[in-house]
Amino acid sequence: MAGVDRGLRVGGVCLHRSSARRAVLLGMLKQGVSSVRLQWEDGEATVSDAAVSSLQPCEPPPFVVSRLGALSAGVIRQLSRLSGITDEVDLMTAAAAAAGSRERLCSRPH
């Protein structure tokens, strides 16, 4: 669902040009190094390193909203609010408010 560019991305599937094997890009080893860590999609799912120049990004599968039939619009809205993409909830303010209400509940005489 993310991204509009067609480049390599962490979590994305890529093709190793010389071996024609598919892998999931796990991340970079160190900043400034031109190799990345991959988890191969073949039967063993082994992890190894490869040069970025030897990889070609694979087109991600299309996002089809109709496959989310079990999710209501309300659930999707709440998930988007929790992720912070709607800017409707200031998570720091919400956390402080929740902590304050817990303090009030705990300090009540029984």
PDB file of N, CA and C in Angstrom:
ATOM      1  N   MET A   1       0.812  -1.196   0.000  1.00  0.00           N
ATOM      2  CA  MET A   1       0.000   0.000   0.000  1.00  0.00           C
ATOM      3  C   MET A   1       0.851   1.254   0.000  1.00  0.00           C
ATOM      4  N   ALA A   2       2.104   1.136   0.318  1.00  0.00           N
ATOM      5  CA  ALA A   2       2.908   2.335   0.489  1.00  0.00           C
ATOM      6  C   ALA A   2       3.777   2.612  -0.726  1.00  0.00           C
ATOM      7  N   GLY A   3       4.098   3.860  -0.886  1.00  0.00           N
ATOM      8  CA  GLY A   3       5.089   4.252  -1.880  1.00  0.00           C
ATOM      9  C   GLY A   3       4.543   4.417  -3.276  1.00  0.00           C
ATOM     10  N   VAL A   4       5.104   5.386  -3.958  1.00  0.00           N
ATOM     11  CA  VAL A   4       4.740   5.589  -5.355  1.00  0.00           C
ATOM     12  C   VAL A   4       5.939   5.371  -6.259  1.00  0.00           C
ATOM     13  N   ASP A   5       7.127   5.285  -5.644  1.00  0.00           N
ATOM     14  CA  ASP A   5       8.306   5.038  -6.463  1.00  0.00           C
ATOM     15  C   ASP A   5       8.443   3.539  -6.726  1.00  0.00           C
ATOM     16  N   ARG A   6       9.226   3.182  -7.681  1.00  0.00           N
ATOM     17  CA  ARG A   6       9.366   1.790  -8.068  1.00  0.00           C
ATOM     18  C   ARG A   6      10.706   1.209  -7.633  1.00  0.00           C
ATOM     19  N   GLY A   7      11.373   1.833  -6.693  1.00  0.00           N
ATOM     20  CA  GLY A   7      12.685   1.373  -6.269  1.00  0.00           C
ATOM     21  C   GLY A   7      12.632   0.254  -5.244  1.00  0.00           C
ATOM     22  N   LEU A   8      13.814  -0.149  -4.818  1.00  0.00           N
ATOM     23  CA  LEU A   8      13.924  -1.150  -3.765  1.00  0.00           C
ATOM     24  C   LEU A   8      13.480  -0.545  -2.451  1.00  0.00           C
ATOM     25  N   ARG A   9      12.832  -1.349  -1.618  1.00  0.00           N
ATOM     26  CA  ARG A   9      12.412  -0.891  -0.298  1.00  0.00           C
ATOM     27  C   ARG A   9      12.470  -2.044   0.676  1.00  0.00           C
ATOM     28  N   VAL A  10      12.718  -1.737   1.940  1.00  0.00           N
ATOM     29  CA  VAL A  10      12.742  -2.763   2.977  1.00  0.00           C
ATOM     30  C   VAL A  10      11.365  -3.416   3.031  1.00  0.00           C
ATOM     31  N   GLY A  11      11.354  -4.729   3.040  1.00  0.00           N
ATOM     32  CA  GLY A  11      10.104  -5.483   3.042  1.00  0.00           C
ATOM     33  C   GLY A  11       9.587  -5.788   1.652  1.00  0.00           C
ATOM     34  N   GLY A  12      10.202  -5.184   0.644  1.00  0.00           N
ATOM     35  CA  GLY A  12       9.788  -5.408  -0.740  1.00  0.00           C
ATOM     36  C   GLY A  12      10.477  -6.619  -1.338  1.00  0.00           C
ATOM     37  N   VAL A  13       9.864  -7.158  -2.355  1.00  0.00           N
ATOM     38  CA  VAL A  13      10.419  -8.318  -3.060  1.00  0.00           C
ATOM     39  C   VAL A  13      11.290  -7.824  -4.204  1.00  0.00           C
ATOM     40  N   CYS A  14      12.420  -8.490  -4.387  1.00  0.00           N
ATOM     41  CA  CYS A  14      13.325  -8.128  -5.471  1.00  0.00           C
ATOM     42  C   CYS A  14      13.838  -9.389  -6.162  1.00  0.00           C
ATOM     43  N   LEU A  15      14.424  -9.181  -7.310  1.00  0.00           N
ATOM     44  CA  LEU A  15      14.971 -10.278  -8.105  1.00  0.00           C
ATOM     45  C   LEU A  15      16.476 -10.115  -8.184  1.00  0.00           C
ATOM     46  N   HIS A  16      17.202 -11.174  -7.863  1.00  0.00           N
ATOM     47  CA  HIS A  16      18.658 -11.167  -8.003  1.00  0.00           C
ATOM     48  C   HIS A  16      18.951 -11.462  -9.465  1.00  0.00           C
ATOM     49  N   ARG A  17      19.557 -10.524 -10.159  1.00  0.00           N
ATOM     50  CA  ARG A  17      19.712 -10.619 -11.614  1.00  0.00           C
ATOM     51  C   ARG A  17      20.498 -11.845 -12.061  1.00  0.00           C
ATOM     52  N   SER A  18      21.622 -12.136 -11.423  1.00  0.00           N
ATOM     53  CA  SER A  18      22.467 -13.227 -11.927  1.00  0.00           C
ATOM     54  C   SER A  18      21.915 -14.613 -11.628  1.00  0.00           C
ATOM     55  N   SER A  19      21.176 -14.773 -10.522  1.00  0.00           N
ATOM     56  CA  SER A  19      20.663 -16.107 -10.182  1.00  0.00           C
ATOM     57  C   SER A  19      19.172 -16.264 -10.487  1.00  0.00           C
ATOM     58  N   ALA A  20      18.482 -15.163 -10.775  1.00  0.00           N
ATOM     59  CA  ALA A  20      17.040 -15.151 -11.029  1.00  0.00           C
ATOM     60  C   ALA A  20      16.242 -15.637  -9.823  1.00  0.00           C
ATOM     61  N   ARG A  21      16.799 -15.510  -8.624  1.00  0.00           N
ATOM     62  CA  ARG A  21      16.086 -15.876  -7.394  1.00  0.00           C
ATOM     63  C   ARG A  21      15.389 -14.648  -6.826  1.00  0.00           C
ATOM     64  N   ARG A  22      14.227 -14.878  -6.229  1.00  0.00           N
ATOM     65  CA  ARG A  22      13.467 -13.807  -5.591  1.00  0.00           C
ATOM     66  C   ARG A  22      13.802 -13.781  -4.103  1.00  0.00           C
ATOM     67  N   ALA A  23      13.792 -12.564  -3.540  1.00  0.00           N
ATOM     68  CA  ALA A  23      14.109 -12.400  -2.128  1.00  0.00           C
ATOM     69  C   ALA A  23      13.362 -11.197  -1.566  1.00  0.00           C
ATOM     70  N   VAL A  24      13.227 -11.170  -0.238  1.00  0.00           N
ATOM     71  CA  VAL A  24      12.669 -10.022   0.470  1.00  0.00           C
ATOM     72  C   VAL A  24      13.839  -9.226   1.026  1.00  0.00           C
ATOM     73  N   LEU A  25      13.853  -7.936   0.763  1.00  0.00           N
ATOM     74  CA  LEU A  25      14.925  -7.082   1.248  1.00  0.00           C
ATOM     75  C   LEU A  25      14.707  -6.798   2.730  1.00  0.00           C
ATOM     76  N   LEU A  26      15.664  -7.202   3.567  1.00  0.00           N
ATOM     77  CA  LEU A  26      15.540  -7.034   5.015  1.00  0.00           C
ATOM     78  C   LEU A  26      16.123  -5.715   5.508  1.00  0.00           C
ATOM     79  N   GLY A  27      17.144  -5.216   4.835  1.00  0.00           N
ATOM     80  CA  GLY A  27      17.733  -3.951   5.247  1.00  0.00           C
ATOM     81  C   GLY A  27      19.184  -3.836   4.844  1.00  0.00           C
ATOM     82  N   MET A  28      19.761  -2.685   5.149  1.00  0.00           N
ATOM     83  CA  MET A  28      21.170  -2.434   4.839  1.00  0.00           C
ATOM     84  C   MET A  28      22.031  -2.917   5.998  1.00  0.00           C
ATOM     85  N   LEU A  29      23.251  -3.312   5.681  1.00  0.00           N
ATOM     86  CA  LEU A  29      24.164  -3.780   6.709  1.00  0.00           C
ATOM     87  C   LEU A  29      24.711  -2.615   7.528  1.00  0.00           C
ATOM     88  N   LYS A  30      25.267  -1.622   6.859  1.00  0.00           N
ATOM     89  CA  LYS A  30      25.788  -0.416   7.492  1.00  0.00           C
ATOM     90  C   LYS A  30      25.604   0.740   6.531  1.00  0.00           C
ATOM     91  N   GLN A  31      25.498   1.916   7.085  1.00  0.00           N
ATOM     92  CA  GLN A  31      25.360   3.097   6.233  1.00  0.00           C
ATOM     93  C   GLN A  31      26.621   3.254   5.385  1.00  0.00           C
ATOM     94  N   GLY A  32      26.442   3.503   4.107  1.00  0.00           N
ATOM     95  CA  GLY A  32      27.551   3.680   3.197  1.00  0.00           C
ATOM     96  C   GLY A  32      28.014   2.406   2.520  1.00  0.00           C
ATOM     97  N   VAL A  33      27.518   1.261   2.954  1.00  0.00           N
ATOM     98  CA  VAL A  33      27.886  -0.016   2.339  1.00  0.00           C
ATOM     99  C   VAL A  33      26.896  -0.299   1.217  1.00  0.00           C
ATOM    100  N   SER A  34      27.384  -0.814   0.108  1.00  0.00           N
ATOM    101  CA  SER A  34      26.516  -1.007  -1.057  1.00  0.00           C
ATOM    102  C   SER A  34      25.894  -2.393  -1.128  1.00  0.00           C
ATOM    103  N   SER A  35      25.875  -3.118  -0.015  1.00  0.00           N
ATOM    104  CA  SER A  35      25.206  -4.425  -0.015  1.00  0.00           C
ATOM    105  C   SER A  35      24.061  -4.402   0.998  1.00  0.00           C
ATOM    106  N   VAL A  36      23.111  -5.281   0.772  1.00  0.00           N
ATOM    107  CA  VAL A  36      21.924  -5.370   1.614  1.00  0.00           C
ATOM    108  C   VAL A  36      21.719  -6.808   2.068  1.00  0.00           C
ATOM    109  N   ARG A  37      20.933  -6.964   3.123  1.00  0.00           N
ATOM    110  CA  ARG A  37      20.602  -8.286   3.643  1.00  0.00           C
ATOM    111  C   ARG A  37      19.293  -8.730   3.000  1.00  0.00           C
ATOM    112  N   LEU A  38      19.273  -9.981   2.523  1.00  0.00           N
ATOM    113  CA  LEU A  38      18.111 -10.546   1.836  1.00  0.00           C
ATOM    114  C   LEU A  38      17.679 -11.844   2.485  1.00  0.00           C
ATOM    115  N   GLN A  39      16.382 -12.119   2.433  1.00  0.00           N
ATOM    116  CA  GLN A  39      15.867 -13.442   2.789  1.00  0.00           C
ATOM    117  C   GLN A  39      15.274 -14.029   1.517  1.00  0.00           C
ATOM    118  N   TRP A  40      15.866 -15.130   1.079  1.00  0.00           N
ATOM    119  CA  TRP A  40      15.471 -15.737  -0.184  1.00  0.00           C
ATOM    120  C   TRP A  40      14.116 -16.412  -0.054  1.00  0.00           C
ATOM    121  N   GLU A  41      13.339 -16.379  -1.123  1.00  0.00           N
ATOM    122  CA  GLU A  41      11.997 -16.953  -1.120  1.00  0.00           C
ATOM    123  C   GLU A  41      11.964 -18.416  -1.535  1.00  0.00           C
ATOM    124  N   ASP A  42      13.111 -19.008  -1.794  1.00  0.00           N
ATOM    125  CA  ASP A  42      13.100 -20.420  -2.156  1.00  0.00           C
ATOM    126  C   ASP A  42      12.782 -21.264  -0.914  1.00  0.00           C
ATOM    127  N   GLY A  43      12.746 -22.549  -1.057  1.00  0.00           N
ATOM    128  CA  GLY A  43      12.318 -23.448   0.010  1.00  0.00           C
ATOM    129  C   GLY A  43      13.036 -23.305   1.331  1.00  0.00           C
ATOM    130  N   GLU A  44      14.305 -22.931   1.325  1.00  0.00           N
ATOM    131  CA  GLU A  44      15.061 -22.866   2.567  1.00  0.00           C
ATOM    132  C   GLU A  44      14.913 -21.536   3.301  1.00  0.00           C
ATOM    133  N   ALA A  45      14.525 -20.503   2.621  1.00  0.00           N
ATOM    134  CA  ALA A  45      14.365 -19.162   3.196  1.00  0.00           C
ATOM    135  C   ALA A  45      15.627 -18.721   3.935  1.00  0.00           C
ATOM    136  N   THR A  46      16.771 -18.916   3.314  1.00  0.00           N
ATOM    137  CA  THR A  46      18.034 -18.528   3.920  1.00  0.00           C
ATOM    138  C   THR A  46      18.243 -17.021   3.823  1.00  0.00           C
ATOM    139  N   VAL A  47      19.109 -16.511   4.673  1.00  0.00           N
ATOM    140  CA  VAL A  47      19.431 -15.096   4.700  1.00  0.00           C
ATOM    141  C   VAL A  47      20.875 -14.921   4.253  1.00  0.00           C
ATOM    142  N   SER A  48      21.108 -13.962   3.353  1.00  0.00           N
ATOM    143  CA  SER A  48      22.474 -13.667   2.914  1.00  0.00           C
ATOM    144  C   SER A  48      22.533 -12.221   2.449  1.00  0.00           C
ATOM    145  N   ASP A  49      23.716 -11.798   2.041  1.00  0.00           N
ATOM    146  CA  ASP A  49      23.941 -10.431   1.582  1.00  0.00           C
ATOM    147  C   ASP A  49      24.134 -10.406   0.073  1.00  0.00           C
ATOM    148  N   ALA A  50      23.767  -9.284  -0.550  1.00  0.00           N
ATOM    149  CA  ALA A  50      23.955  -9.119  -1.991  1.00  0.00           C
ATOM    150  C   ALA A  50      24.174  -7.641  -2.289  1.00  0.00           C
ATOM    151  N   ALA A  51      24.858  -7.375  -3.363  1.00  0.00           N
ATOM    152  CA  ALA A  51      25.083  -5.997  -3.797  1.00  0.00           C
ATOM    153  C   ALA A  51      23.788  -5.395  -4.320  1.00  0.00           C
ATOM    154  N   VAL A  52      23.548  -4.152  -3.975  1.00  0.00           N
ATOM    155  CA  VAL A  52      22.345  -3.457  -4.429  1.00  0.00           C
ATOM    156  C   VAL A  52      22.282  -3.432  -5.951  1.00  0.00           C
ATOM    157  N   SER A  53      23.428  -3.282  -6.593  1.00  0.00           N
ATOM    158  CA  SER A  53      23.462  -3.200  -8.054  1.00  0.00           C
ATOM    159  C   SER A  53      23.036  -4.496  -8.735  1.00  0.00           C
ATOM    160  N   SER A  54      23.019  -5.613  -8.004  1.00  0.00           N
ATOM    161  CA  SER A  54      22.623  -6.890  -8.592  1.00  0.00           C
ATOM    162  C   SER A  54      21.136  -7.183  -8.405  1.00  0.00           C
ATOM    163  N   LEU A  55      20.395  -6.230  -7.838  1.00  0.00           N
ATOM    164  CA  LEU A  55      18.977  -6.453  -7.533  1.00  0.00           C
ATOM    165  C   LEU A  55      18.075  -5.604  -8.404  1.00  0.00           C
ATOM    166  N   GLN A  56      16.939  -6.177  -8.711  1.00  0.00           N
ATOM    167  CA  GLN A  56      15.908  -5.476  -9.479  1.00  0.00           C
ATOM    168  C   GLN A  56      14.617  -5.556  -8.674  1.00  0.00           C
ATOM    169  N   PRO A  57      13.948  -4.428  -8.401  1.00  0.00           N
ATOM    170  CA  PRO A  57      12.698  -4.482  -7.637  1.00  0.00           C
ATOM    171  C   PRO A  57      11.599  -5.194  -8.411  1.00  0.00           C
ATOM    172  N   CYS A  58      10.781  -5.961  -7.715  1.00  0.00           N
ATOM    173  CA  CYS A  58       9.618  -6.620  -8.324  1.00  0.00           C
ATOM    174  C   CYS A  58       8.395  -5.747  -8.088  1.00  0.00           C
ATOM    175  N   GLU A  59       7.510  -5.759  -9.025  1.00  0.00           N
ATOM    176  CA  GLU A  59       6.265  -4.998  -8.902  1.00  0.00           C
ATOM    177  C   GLU A  59       5.433  -5.600  -7.782  1.00  0.00           C
ATOM    178  N   PRO A  60       5.000  -4.783  -6.808  1.00  0.00           N
ATOM    179  CA  PRO A  60       4.176  -5.329  -5.726  1.00  0.00           C
ATOM    180  C   PRO A  60       2.797  -5.723  -6.245  1.00  0.00           C
ATOM    181  N   PRO A  61       2.141  -6.661  -5.582  1.00  0.00           N
ATOM    182  CA  PRO A  61       0.782  -7.021  -6.008  1.00  0.00           C
ATOM    183  C   PRO A  61      -0.153  -5.822  -5.813  1.00  0.00           C
ATOM    184  N   PRO A  62      -1.162  -5.689  -6.642  1.00  0.00           N
ATOM    185  CA  PRO A  62      -2.065  -4.544  -6.500  1.00  0.00           C
ATOM    186  C   PRO A  62      -2.856  -4.624  -5.199  1.00  0.00           C
ATOM    187  N   PHE A  63      -3.148  -3.479  -4.622  1.00  0.00           N
ATOM    188  CA  PHE A  63      -3.958  -3.412  -3.414  1.00  0.00           C
ATOM    189  C   PHE A  63      -5.426  -3.416  -3.834  1.00  0.00           C
ATOM    190  N   VAL A  64      -6.159  -4.425  -3.395  1.00  0.00           N
ATOM    191  CA  VAL A  64      -7.562  -4.573  -3.772  1.00  0.00           C
ATOM    192  C   VAL A  64      -8.420  -4.395  -2.528  1.00  0.00           C
ATOM    193  N   VAL A  65      -9.140  -3.300  -2.452  1.00  0.00           N
ATOM    194  CA  VAL A  65      -9.939  -2.964  -1.284  1.00  0.00           C
ATOM    195  C   VAL A  65     -11.023  -4.012  -1.025  1.00  0.00           C
ATOM    196  N   SER A  66     -11.556  -4.624  -2.053  1.00  0.00           N
ATOM    197  CA  SER A  66     -12.647  -5.583  -1.872  1.00  0.00           C
ATOM    198  C   SER A  66     -12.236  -6.801  -1.051  1.00  0.00           C
ATOM    199  N   ARG A  67     -10.937  -7.052  -0.926  1.00  0.00           N
ATOM    200  CA  ARG A  67     -10.473  -8.169  -0.097  1.00  0.00           C
ATOM    201  C   ARG A  67     -10.581  -7.861   1.394  1.00  0.00           C
ATOM    202  N   LEU A  68     -10.866  -6.625   1.735  1.00  0.00           N
ATOM    203  CA  LEU A  68     -11.021  -6.233   3.129  1.00  0.00           C
ATOM    204  C   LEU A  68     -12.485  -6.265   3.551  1.00  0.00           C
ATOM    205  N   GLY A  69     -13.244  -7.161   3.013  1.00  0.00           N
ATOM    206  CA  GLY A  69     -14.675  -7.225   3.273  1.00  0.00           C
ATOM    207  C   GLY A  69     -15.052  -7.327   4.733  1.00  0.00           C
ATOM    208  N   ALA A  70     -14.248  -7.970   5.553  1.00  0.00           N
ATOM    209  CA  ALA A  70     -14.585  -8.150   6.964  1.00  0.00           C
ATOM    210  C   ALA A  70     -14.330  -6.890   7.785  1.00  0.00           C
ATOM    211  N   LEU A  71     -13.625  -5.925   7.231  1.00  0.00           N
ATOM    212  CA  LEU A  71     -13.335  -4.698   7.961  1.00  0.00           C
ATOM    213  C   LEU A  71     -14.379  -3.636   7.641  1.00  0.00           C
ATOM    214  N   SER A  72     -14.918  -3.048   8.683  1.00  0.00           N
ATOM    215  CA  SER A  72     -15.890  -1.980   8.470  1.00  0.00           C
ATOM    216  C   SER A  72     -15.150  -0.658   8.262  1.00  0.00           C
ATOM    217  N   ALA A  73     -15.880   0.318   7.799  1.00  0.00           N
ATOM    218  CA  ALA A  73     -15.280   1.645   7.601  1.00  0.00           C
ATOM    219  C   ALA A  73     -14.802   2.207   8.933  1.00  0.00           C
ATOM    220  N   GLY A  74     -15.517   1.914  10.004  1.00  0.00           N
ATOM    221  CA  GLY A  74     -15.120   2.394  11.327  1.00  0.00           C
ATOM    222  C   GLY A  74     -13.787   1.823  11.782  1.00  0.00           C
ATOM    223  N   VAL A  75     -13.577   0.546  11.519  1.00  0.00           N
ATOM    224  CA  VAL A  75     -12.311  -0.087  11.897  1.00  0.00           C
ATOM    225  C   VAL A  75     -11.164   0.516  11.095  1.00  0.00           C
ATOM    226  N   ILE A  76     -11.363   0.705   9.807  1.00  0.00           N
ATOM    227  CA  ILE A  76     -10.323   1.302   8.967  1.00  0.00           C
ATOM    228  C   ILE A  76     -10.028   2.726   9.425  1.00  0.00           C
ATOM    229  N   ARG A  77     -11.046   3.466   9.788  1.00  0.00           N
ATOM    230  CA  ARG A  77     -10.850   4.836  10.278  1.00  0.00           C
ATOM    231  C   ARG A  77     -10.052   4.828  11.575  1.00  0.00           C
ATOM    232  N   GLN A  78     -10.386   3.940  12.497  1.00  0.00           N
ATOM    233  CA  GLN A  78      -9.652   3.874  13.759  1.00  0.00           C
ATOM    234  C   GLN A  78      -8.198   3.464  13.539  1.00  0.00           C
ATOM    235  N   LEU A  79      -7.964   2.532  12.622  1.00  0.00           N
ATOM    236  CA  LEU A  79      -6.589   2.130  12.310  1.00  0.00           C
ATOM    237  C   LEU A  79      -5.798   3.302  11.730  1.00  0.00           C
ATOM    238  N   SER A  80      -6.426   4.079  10.862  1.00  0.00           N
ATOM    239  CA  SER A  80      -5.729   5.232  10.287  1.00  0.00           C
ATOM    240  C   SER A  80      -5.467   6.285  11.349  1.00  0.00           C
ATOM    241  N   ARG A  81      -6.373   6.444  12.297  1.00  0.00           N
ATOM    242  CA  ARG A  81      -6.143   7.388  13.395  1.00  0.00           C
ATOM    243  C   ARG A  81      -4.994   6.910  14.267  1.00  0.00           C
ATOM    244  N   LEU A  82      -4.959   5.619  14.586  1.00  0.00           N
ATOM    245  CA  LEU A  82      -3.883   5.073  15.411  1.00  0.00           C
ATOM    246  C   LEU A  82      -2.526   5.173  14.733  1.00  0.00           C
ATOM    247  N   SER A  83      -2.505   5.021  13.413  1.00  0.00           N
ATOM    248  CA  SER A  83      -1.238   5.086  12.687  1.00  0.00           C
ATOM    249  C   SER A  83      -0.707   6.508  12.590  1.00  0.00           C
ATOM    250  N   GLY A  84      -1.554   7.488  12.844  1.00  0.00           N
ATOM    251  CA  GLY A  84      -1.125   8.876  12.804  1.00  0.00           C
ATOM    252  C   GLY A  84      -1.261   9.540  11.457  1.00  0.00           C
ATOM    253  N   ILE A  85      -1.834   8.853  10.469  1.00  0.00           N
ATOM    254  CA  ILE A  85      -1.907   9.458   9.134  1.00  0.00           C
ATOM    255  C   ILE A  85      -3.040  10.469   9.000  1.00  0.00           C
ATOM    256  N   THR A  86      -3.945  10.521   9.957  1.00  0.00           N
ATOM    257  CA  THR A  86      -5.051  11.468   9.844  1.00  0.00           C
ATOM    258  C   THR A  86      -4.834  12.744  10.635  1.00  0.00           C
ATOM    259  N   ASP A  87      -3.868  12.782  11.527  1.00  0.00           N
ATOM    260  CA  ASP A  87      -3.591  13.940  12.390  1.00  0.00           C
ATOM    261  C   ASP A  87      -4.791  14.312  13.253  1.00  0.00           C
ATOM    262  N   GLU A  88      -5.716  13.380  13.456  1.00  0.00           N
ATOM    263  CA  GLU A  88      -6.872  13.657  14.306  1.00  0.00           C
ATOM    264  C   GLU A  88      -6.541  13.468  15.779  1.00  0.00           C
ATOM    265  N   VAL A  89      -5.573  12.619  16.075  1.00  0.00           N
ATOM    266  CA  VAL A  89      -5.229  12.324  17.455  1.00  0.00           C
ATOM    267  C   VAL A  89      -3.774  12.692  17.686  1.00  0.00           C
ATOM    268  N   ASP A  90      -3.534  13.533  18.666  1.00  0.00           N
ATOM    269  CA  ASP A  90      -2.165  13.803  19.082  1.00  0.00           C
ATOM    270  C   ASP A  90      -1.828  12.722  20.102  1.00  0.00           C
ATOM    271  N   LEU A  91      -1.000  11.770  19.706  1.00  0.00           N
ATOM    272  CA  LEU A  91      -0.739  10.613  20.551  1.00  0.00           C
ATOM    273  C   LEU A  91      -0.141  11.007  21.892  1.00  0.00           C
ATOM    274  N   MET A  92       0.691  12.030  21.932  1.00  0.00           N
ATOM    275  CA  MET A  92       1.275  12.452  23.206  1.00  0.00           C
ATOM    276  C   MET A  92       0.190  13.023  24.118  1.00  0.00           C
ATOM    277  N   THR A  93      -0.707  13.836  23.580  1.00  0.00           N
ATOM    278  CA  THR A  93      -1.793  14.403  24.369  1.00  0.00           C
ATOM    279  C   THR A  93      -2.739  13.304  24.835  1.00  0.00           C
ATOM    280  N   ALA A  94      -3.030  12.359  23.948  1.00  0.00           N
ATOM    281  CA  ALA A  94      -3.918  11.254  24.313  1.00  0.00           C
ATOM    282  C   ALA A  94      -3.298  10.396  25.402  1.00  0.00           C
ATOM    283  N   ALA A  95      -2.000  10.149  25.331  1.00  0.00           N
ATOM    284  CA  ALA A  95      -1.323   9.346  26.351  1.00  0.00           C
ATOM    285  C   ALA A  95      -1.315  10.075  27.681  1.00  0.00           C
ATOM    286  N   ALA A  96      -1.076  11.384  27.664  1.00  0.00           N
ATOM    287  CA  ALA A  96      -1.081  12.166  28.902  1.00  0.00           C
ATOM    288  C   ALA A  96      -2.478  12.189  29.515  1.00  0.00           C
ATOM    289  N   ALA A  97      -3.494  12.323  28.690  1.00  0.00           N
ATOM    290  CA  ALA A  97      -4.865  12.326  29.185  1.00  0.00           C
ATOM    291  C   ALA A  97      -5.216  10.979  29.805  1.00  0.00           C
ATOM    292  N   ALA A  98      -4.791   9.903  29.180  1.00  0.00           N
ATOM    293  CA  ALA A  98      -5.054   8.574  29.715  1.00  0.00           C
ATOM    294  C   ALA A  98      -4.333   8.378  31.045  1.00  0.00           C
ATOM    295  N   ALA A  99      -3.099   8.856  31.144  1.00  0.00           N
ATOM    296  CA  ALA A  99      -2.351   8.733  32.395  1.00  0.00           C
ATOM    297  C   ALA A  99      -3.023   9.543  33.494  1.00  0.00           C
ATOM    298  N   GLY A 100      -3.511  10.740  33.168  1.00  0.00           N
ATOM    299  CA  GLY A 100      -4.207  11.566  34.149  1.00  0.00           C
ATOM    300  C   GLY A 100      -5.480  10.916  34.640  1.00  0.00           C
ATOM    301  N   SER A 101      -6.240  10.282  33.761  1.00  0.00           N
ATOM    302  CA  SER A 101      -7.478   9.627  34.178  1.00  0.00           C
ATOM    303  C   SER A 101      -7.177   8.404  35.034  1.00  0.00           C
ATOM    304  N   ARG A 102      -6.069   7.714  34.762  1.00  0.00           N
ATOM    305  CA  ARG A 102      -5.682   6.584  35.612  1.00  0.00           C
ATOM    306  C   ARG A 102      -5.314   7.076  37.003  1.00  0.00           C
ATOM    307  N   GLU A 103      -4.595   8.223  37.068  1.00  0.00           N
ATOM    308  CA  GLU A 103      -4.232   8.786  38.370  1.00  0.00           C
ATOM    309  C   GLU A 103      -5.476   9.144  39.159  1.00  0.00           C
ATOM    310  N   ARG A 104      -6.447   9.762  38.512  1.00  0.00           N
ATOM    311  CA  ARG A 104      -7.673  10.143  39.206  1.00  0.00           C
ATOM    312  C   ARG A 104      -8.412   8.912  39.706  1.00  0.00           C
ATOM    313  N   LEU A 105      -8.462   7.859  38.900  1.00  0.00           N
ATOM    314  CA  LEU A 105      -9.141   6.639  39.317  1.00  0.00           C
ATOM    315  C   LEU A 105      -8.431   5.975  40.491  1.00  0.00           C
ATOM    316  N   CYS A 106      -7.100   5.972  40.462  1.00  0.00           N
ATOM    317  CA  CYS A 106      -6.334   5.309  41.513  1.00  0.00           C
ATOM    318  C   CYS A 106      -6.335   6.098  42.812  1.00  0.00           C
ATOM    319  N   SER A 107      -6.520   7.420  42.748  1.00  0.00           N
ATOM    320  CA  SER A 107      -6.443   8.225  43.967  1.00  0.00           C
ATOM    321  C   SER A 107      -7.813   8.412  44.627  1.00  0.00           C
ATOM    322  N   ARG A 108      -8.856   7.853  44.083  1.00  0.00           N
ATOM    323  CA  ARG A 108     -10.184   7.961  44.692  1.00  0.00           C
ATOM    324  C   ARG A 108     -10.228   7.162  45.995  1.00  0.00           C
ATOM    325  N   PRO A 109     -10.875   7.719  47.022  1.00  0.00           N
ATOM    326  CA  PRO A 109     -11.031   6.931  48.258  1.00  0.00           C
ATOM    327  C   PRO A 109     -12.028   5.801  48.032  1.00  0.00           C
ATOM    328  N   HIS A 110     -11.745   4.667  48.612  1.00  0.00           N
ATOM    329  CA  HIS A 110     -12.635   3.505  48.430  1.00  0.00           C
ATOM    330  C   HIS A 110     -13.691   3.426  49.468  1.00  0.00           C
TER     331      HIS A 110
END
